[in-house]
Amino acid sequence: MRPGQTWRTAIVTSLAAFCSLATAADICSKLNQQGITIENRLTIPFLNVLQDYWSTACGDLRPTCIASPKSALEMSQIVKELHDIDTLFAVKSGGHMPNNGFASIQDGLLITTQNLNNVIYNAEDQTAIIGPGLSWEDAQKGLDGTGRTLVGGRLGGVGVGGYMLGGGLSFLSSQYGWAANNVINFEVVLANGTIVNANEKENTGTQMSIASWDPRQRMTVEQ
């Protein structure tokens, strides 16, 4: 080993890490200018998001910043900013996934769906729009008084988004099948930022692929 080789390697590694951090920070700055809610490491909401993981190991990871879109349009804006930049990111719904890097990230952009939390019930056709940022407990509370229930998670704290992307085993599955089988329409943000509907008539391939589940490849949202 030549004198100084280890030192130069360390400097290169440090610079590479710095560039990654700067890229994530730049994206967050751009998103903030577009009106999207951004939290950084010095804010209480940032810490609250990290405390809301089932796995403490996931919560120990520290993203550069956290984006909290409030609509499919804002989610689309985020994806468009990420599309042409090689920056690590993760998407968090309920935070029940125990594996690091799926719904958590170190030194990248974390996207939380916590503000995609609508429950809109249509009594006429007995359907409901459920936001992916909800836990199943809160989703069911949104239907209180309707006389209806959801084919959803068996634990109230599980998030709607990640659970549904995994197909979704329910206490009602023996009668109604997987939770994903009961979805009439998914509103999806594709990798290029396009917002589409995926159902039996539109984008059927996307609908089928959603339950094959890789949260790093697609984002499912409902306004």
Foldseek 3Di string as FASTA:
>chain_A
DDPCPVVVVVVVVVVVLVVLLVLQVVLLVVLVVVVWDKAAPVDPVQLVVLVQAPAVVQSVAHERMETEDQALLSVLVSLQSVLPDPHQEEEAALRDDHDHRHQHHHHTYHYYDLNLADWAADLVVGDIDGWQNAFLLSNQVNCPPVPDHAQADPDRSHTNWQCVLQQAHGPCCVPVNTRLSPDAWWFWQASNSDTDIEHPVPVVVVSVNSNVDRRVGIGTGDD
